[in-house]
Amino acid sequence: MAAFRYRLEVLLEQKLKSLEDAQVAMAERLSKLRQEELRLQQLAREADLARQKHEVARAARYQADGALTAEQLQRRCEESRWLQKEAGWARDAVLEQRMAIEDAQDEVERSRQAVVEANRQVEVLRTHRARQEARFLKGLQRTENAELDDVGTAQYLQRRRE
């Protein structure tokens, strides 16, 4: 009996490889997204710390046990302005990181869609293969039934002649 041979087996293997590659790419992008989220948490903590430092410096600007000299007041004001700038830079870094996370989320979504599409293509070929194999087996069964009918007819005719 002849064995079933699927003519598109090479294509099916290529589609399976594409599916595997898409899954690996999606895993990598998910990993990158997690790293970006961790970085955002770190930057948010740093921004919060910078904001707190600025608030403390601003509140302490005019507090003193005695009279402040103009130079001391000037230095405290400059320090407060500098801390305000650092807090602004930290806020900007947080915003940039949020945009990086949005980009990473978009990449994850694109890779998820690629996995879905690759999976769909594999399923189409598997369904086609299953139908072809069923058709092949049905043809073999028909051939076998025809051969058995011929053998049965030949035996019947031989017994009838005897």
C-alpha atoms as a PDB file:
ATOM      1  CA  MET A   1       0.000   0.000   0.000  1.00  0.00           C
ATOM      2  CA  ALA A   2       1.325   3.450  -0.935  1.00  0.00           C
ATOM      3  CA  ALA A   3       2.099   5.902   1.825  1.00  0.00           C
ATOM      4  CA  PHE A   4       0.526   9.358   1.889  1.00  0.00           C
ATOM      5  CA  ARG A   5       2.905  12.074   0.739  1.00  0.00           C
ATOM      6  CA  TYR A   6       1.838  15.676   1.222  1.00  0.00           C
ATOM      7  CA  ARG A   7       3.116  17.758  -1.656  1.00  0.00           C
ATOM      8  CA  LEU A   8       3.171  20.989   0.365  1.00  0.00           C
ATOM      9  CA  GLU A   9       5.118  19.535   3.305  1.00  0.00           C
ATOM     10  CA  VAL A  10       8.064  21.879   2.658  1.00  0.00           C
ATOM     11  CA  LEU A  11       5.744  24.892   2.715  1.00  0.00           C
ATOM     12  CA  LEU A  12       4.150  23.641   5.939  1.00  0.00           C
ATOM     13  CA  GLU A  13       7.596  23.304   7.523  1.00  0.00           C
ATOM     14  CA  GLN A  14       8.476  26.853   6.409  1.00  0.00           C
ATOM     15  CA  LYS A  15       5.255  28.182   7.921  1.00  0.00           C
ATOM     16  CA  LEU A  16       5.968  26.315  11.161  1.00  0.00           C
ATOM     17  CA  LYS A  17       9.447  27.881  11.225  1.00  0.00           C
ATOM     18  CA  SER A  18       7.900  31.322  10.614  1.00  0.00           C
ATOM     19  CA  LEU A  19       5.476  30.720  13.477  1.00  0.00           C
ATOM     20  CA  GLU A  20       8.319  29.736  15.778  1.00  0.00           C
ATOM     21  CA  ASP A  21      10.338  32.810  14.737  1.00  0.00           C
ATOM     22  CA  ALA A  22       7.325  35.053  15.346  1.00  0.00           C
ATOM     23  CA  GLN A  23       6.838  33.550  18.804  1.00  0.00           C
ATOM     24  CA  VAL A  24      10.503  34.103  19.651  1.00  0.00           C
ATOM     25  CA  ALA A  25      10.300  37.707  18.419  1.00  0.00           C
ATOM     26  CA  MET A  26       7.198  38.283  20.520  1.00  0.00           C
ATOM     27  CA  ALA A  27       8.917  36.856  23.609  1.00  0.00           C
ATOM     28  CA  GLU A  28      11.890  39.165  23.020  1.00  0.00           C
ATOM     29  CA  ARG A  29       9.625  42.176  22.638  1.00  0.00           C
ATOM     30  CA  LEU A  30       7.717  41.271  25.786  1.00  0.00           C
ATOM     31  CA  SER A  31      11.017  41.028  27.619  1.00  0.00           C
ATOM     32  CA  LYS A  32      12.027  44.442  26.292  1.00  0.00           C
ATOM     33  CA  LEU A  33       8.676  45.875  27.397  1.00  0.00           C
ATOM     34  CA  ARG A  34       9.216  44.511  30.928  1.00  0.00           C
ATOM     35  CA  GLN A  35      12.681  46.100  31.007  1.00  0.00           C
ATOM     36  CA  GLU A  36      11.249  49.429  29.863  1.00  0.00           C
ATOM     37  CA  GLU A  37       8.568  49.236  32.565  1.00  0.00           C
ATOM     38  CA  LEU A  38      11.206  48.543  35.219  1.00  0.00           C
ATOM     39  CA  ARG A  39      13.228  51.494  33.942  1.00  0.00           C
ATOM     40  CA  LEU A  40      10.107  53.683  34.191  1.00  0.00           C
ATOM     41  CA  GLN A  41       9.617  52.660  37.805  1.00  0.00           C
ATOM     42  CA  GLN A  42      13.231  53.538  38.559  1.00  0.00           C
ATOM     43  CA  LEU A  43      12.966  56.906  36.804  1.00  0.00           C
ATOM     44  CA  ALA A  44       9.686  57.666  38.585  1.00  0.00           C
ATOM     45  CA  ARG A  45      11.342  57.016  41.943  1.00  0.00           C
ATOM     46  CA  GLU A  46      14.257  59.270  40.967  1.00  0.00           C
ATOM     47  CA  ALA A  47      11.863  62.004  39.792  1.00  0.00           C
ATOM     48  CA  ASP A  48       9.903  61.784  43.016  1.00  0.00           C
ATOM     49  CA  LEU A  49      13.111  62.009  45.027  1.00  0.00           C
ATOM     50  CA  ALA A  50      14.254  65.050  42.997  1.00  0.00           C
ATOM     51  CA  ARG A  51      10.864  66.716  43.517  1.00  0.00           C
ATOM     52  CA  GLN A  52      11.055  66.078  47.255  1.00  0.00           C
ATOM     53  CA  LYS A  53      14.592  67.494  47.407  1.00  0.00           C
ATOM     54  CA  HIS A  54      13.397  70.613  45.622  1.00  0.00           C
ATOM     55  CA  GLU A  55      10.444  71.055  47.975  1.00  0.00           C
ATOM     56  CA  VAL A  56      12.683  70.644  51.005  1.00  0.00           C
ATOM     57  CA  ALA A  57      15.188  73.146  49.605  1.00  0.00           C
ATOM     58  CA  ARG A  58      12.422  75.610  48.740  1.00  0.00           C
ATOM     59  CA  ALA A  59      10.895  75.327  52.196  1.00  0.00           C
ATOM     60  CA  ALA A  60      14.311  75.704  53.863  1.00  0.00           C
ATOM     61  CA  ARG A  61      15.236  78.706  51.753  1.00  0.00           C
ATOM     62  CA  TYR A  62      14.096  81.288  54.275  1.00  0.00           C
ATOM     63  CA  GLN A  63      14.434  79.265  57.447  1.00  0.00           C
ATOM     64  CA  ALA A  64      17.372  80.140  59.631  1.00  0.00           C
ATOM     65  CA  ASP A  65      18.235  80.416  63.302  1.00  0.00           C
ATOM     66  CA  GLY A  66      19.346  83.946  62.780  1.00  0.00           C
ATOM     67  CA  ALA A  67      19.482  86.553  60.090  1.00  0.00           C
ATOM     68  CA  LEU A  68      20.654  85.387  56.671  1.00  0.00           C
ATOM     69  CA  THR A  69      23.181  87.284  54.704  1.00  0.00           C
ATOM     70  CA  ALA A  70      22.372  88.201  51.150  1.00  0.00           C
ATOM     71  CA  GLU A  71      25.033  85.782  49.970  1.00  0.00           C
ATOM     72  CA  GLN A  72      23.517  82.881  51.939  1.00  0.00           C
ATOM     73  CA  LEU A  73      20.049  83.712  50.669  1.00  0.00           C
ATOM     74  CA  GLN A  74      21.385  83.964  47.106  1.00  0.00           C
ATOM     75  CA  ARG A  75      23.114  80.568  47.424  1.00  0.00           C
ATOM     76  CA  ARG A  76      19.947  78.938  48.792  1.00  0.00           C
ATOM     77  CA  CYS A  77      17.870  80.398  45.953  1.00  0.00           C
ATOM     78  CA  GLU A  78      20.356  79.159  43.353  1.00  0.00           C
ATOM     79  CA  GLU A  79      20.386  75.747  44.980  1.00  0.00           C
ATOM     80  CA  SER A  80      16.592  75.668  44.927  1.00  0.00           C
ATOM     81  CA  ARG A  81      16.529  76.676  41.247  1.00  0.00           C
ATOM     82  CA  TRP A  82      19.091  74.007  40.430  1.00  0.00           C
ATOM     83  CA  LEU A  83      17.054  71.345  42.242  1.00  0.00           C
ATOM     84  CA  GLN A  84      13.968  72.577  40.402  1.00  0.00           C
ATOM     85  CA  LYS A  85      15.788  72.073  37.087  1.00  0.00           C
ATOM     86  CA  GLU A  86      16.896  68.583  38.144  1.00  0.00           C
ATOM     87  CA  ALA A  87      13.298  67.736  39.072  1.00  0.00           C
ATOM     88  CA  GLY A  88      12.190  68.980  35.642  1.00  0.00           C
ATOM     89  CA  TRP A  89      14.828  66.866  33.915  1.00  0.00           C
ATOM     90  CA  ALA A  90      13.720  63.826  35.926  1.00  0.00           C
ATOM     91  CA  ARG A  91      10.089  64.498  34.913  1.00  0.00           C
ATOM     92  CA  ASP A  92      11.166  64.770  31.284  1.00  0.00           C
ATOM     93  CA  ALA A  93      13.028  61.465  31.580  1.00  0.00           C
ATOM     94  CA  VAL A  94       9.858  59.839  32.949  1.00  0.00           C
ATOM     95  CA  LEU A  95       7.831  61.203  30.028  1.00  0.00           C
ATOM     96  CA  GLU A  96      10.411  59.972  27.520  1.00  0.00           C
ATOM     97  CA  GLN A  97      10.350  56.552  29.162  1.00  0.00           C
ATOM     98  CA  ARG A  98       6.557  56.450  28.941  1.00  0.00           C
ATOM     99  CA  MET A  99       6.851  57.127  25.213  1.00  0.00           C
ATOM    100  CA  ALA A 100       9.432  54.321  24.964  1.00  0.00           C
ATOM    101  CA  ILE A 101       6.972  52.013  26.735  1.00  0.00           C
ATOM    102  CA  GLU A 102       4.221  52.978  24.302  1.00  0.00           C
ATOM    103  CA  ASP A 103       6.561  52.142  21.415  1.00  0.00           C
ATOM    104  CA  ALA A 104       7.423  48.812  23.034  1.00  0.00           C
ATOM    105  CA  GLN A 105       3.717  48.078  23.508  1.00  0.00           C
ATOM    106  CA  ASP A 106       3.119  48.817  19.833  1.00  0.00           C
ATOM    107  CA  GLU A 107       5.931  46.434  18.908  1.00  0.00           C
ATOM    108  CA  VAL A 108       4.448  43.742  21.149  1.00  0.00           C
ATOM    109  CA  GLU A 109       1.053  44.217  19.510  1.00  0.00           C
ATOM    110  CA  ARG A 110       2.581  43.976  16.019  1.00  0.00           C
ATOM    111  CA  SER A 111       4.452  40.833  16.980  1.00  0.00           C
ATOM    112  CA  ARG A 112       1.278  39.365  18.501  1.00  0.00           C
ATOM    113  CA  GLN A 113      -0.520  40.002  15.234  1.00  0.00           C
ATOM    114  CA  ALA A 114       2.363  38.355  13.367  1.00  0.00           C
ATOM    115  CA  VAL A 115       2.041  35.291  15.606  1.00  0.00           C
ATOM    116  CA  VAL A 116      -1.705  35.168  15.016  1.00  0.00           C
ATOM    117  CA  GLU A 117      -1.220  35.435  11.247  1.00  0.00           C
ATOM    118  CA  ALA A 118       1.537  32.792  11.201  1.00  0.00           C
ATOM    119  CA  ASN A 119      -0.622  30.503  13.316  1.00  0.00           C
ATOM    120  CA  ARG A 120      -3.543  31.005  10.949  1.00  0.00           C
ATOM    121  CA  GLN A 121      -1.378  30.100   7.953  1.00  0.00           C
ATOM    122  CA  VAL A 122      -0.122  26.960   9.706  1.00  0.00           C
ATOM    123  CA  GLU A 123      -3.673  25.930  10.584  1.00  0.00           C
ATOM    124  CA  VAL A 124      -4.791  26.447   6.988  1.00  0.00           C
ATOM    125  CA  LEU A 125      -2.024  24.156   5.754  1.00  0.00           C
ATOM    126  CA  ARG A 126      -2.712  21.566   8.468  1.00  0.00           C
ATOM    127  CA  THR A 127      -6.383  21.536   7.550  1.00  0.00           C
ATOM    128  CA  HIS A 128      -5.464  21.201   3.877  1.00  0.00           C
ATOM    129  CA  ARG A 129      -3.071  18.360   4.713  1.00  0.00           C
ATOM    130  CA  ALA A 130      -5.736  16.561   6.755  1.00  0.00           C
ATOM    131  CA  ARG A 131      -8.244  16.855   3.906  1.00  0.00           C
ATOM    132  CA  GLN A 132      -5.694  15.655   1.358  1.00  0.00           C
ATOM    133  CA  GLU A 133      -4.797  12.689   3.554  1.00  0.00           C
ATOM    134  CA  ALA A 134      -8.481  11.838   4.056  1.00  0.00           C
ATOM    135  CA  ARG A 135      -9.029  12.066   0.304  1.00  0.00           C
ATOM    136  CA  PHE A 136      -5.977   9.847  -0.278  1.00  0.00           C
ATOM    137  CA  LEU A 137      -7.179   7.244   2.224  1.00  0.00           C
ATOM    138  CA  LYS A 138     -10.665   7.342   0.753  1.00  0.00           C
ATOM    139  CA  GLY A 139      -9.170   6.715  -2.711  1.00  0.00           C
ATOM    140  CA  LEU A 140      -7.132   3.809  -1.344  1.00  0.00           C
ATOM    141  CA  GLN A 141     -10.233   2.369   0.259  1.00  0.00           C
ATOM    142  CA  ARG A 142     -12.139   2.681  -3.023  1.00  0.00           C
ATOM    143  CA  THR A 143      -9.307   0.973  -4.892  1.00  0.00           C
ATOM    144  CA  GLU A 144      -9.142  -1.802  -2.317  1.00  0.00           C
ATOM    145  CA  ASN A 145     -12.906  -2.259  -2.422  1.00  0.00           C
ATOM    146  CA  ALA A 146     -12.815  -2.443  -6.232  1.00  0.00           C
ATOM    147  CA  GLU A 147     -10.020  -5.024  -6.085  1.00  0.00           C
ATOM    148  CA  LEU A 148     -11.920  -7.050  -3.494  1.00  0.00           C
ATOM    149  CA  ASP A 149     -15.039  -6.889  -5.681  1.00  0.00           C
ATOM    150  CA  ASP A 150     -12.974  -8.127  -8.638  1.00  0.00           C
ATOM    151  CA  VAL A 151     -11.540 -10.984  -6.554  1.00  0.00           C
ATOM    152  CA  GLY A 152     -15.000 -11.852  -5.275  1.00  0.00           C
ATOM    153  CA  THR A 153     -16.445 -11.785  -8.779  1.00  0.00           C
ATOM    154  CA  ALA A 154     -13.598 -13.936 -10.109  1.00  0.00           C
ATOM    155  CA  GLN A 155     -14.104 -16.483  -7.306  1.00  0.00           C
ATOM    156  CA  TYR A 156     -17.819 -16.538  -7.924  1.00  0.00           C
ATOM    157  CA  LEU A 157     -17.359 -17.065 -11.653  1.00  0.00           C
ATOM    158  CA  GLN A 158     -14.778 -19.811 -11.037  1.00  0.00           C
ATOM    159  CA  ARG A 159     -17.125 -21.661  -8.657  1.00  0.00           C
ATOM    160  CA  ARG A 160     -19.944 -21.302 -11.066  1.00  0.00           C
ATOM    161  CA  ARG A 161     -17.878 -22.875 -13.860  1.00  0.00           C
ATOM    162  CA  GLU A 162     -16.965 -25.816 -11.698  1.00  0.00           C
END
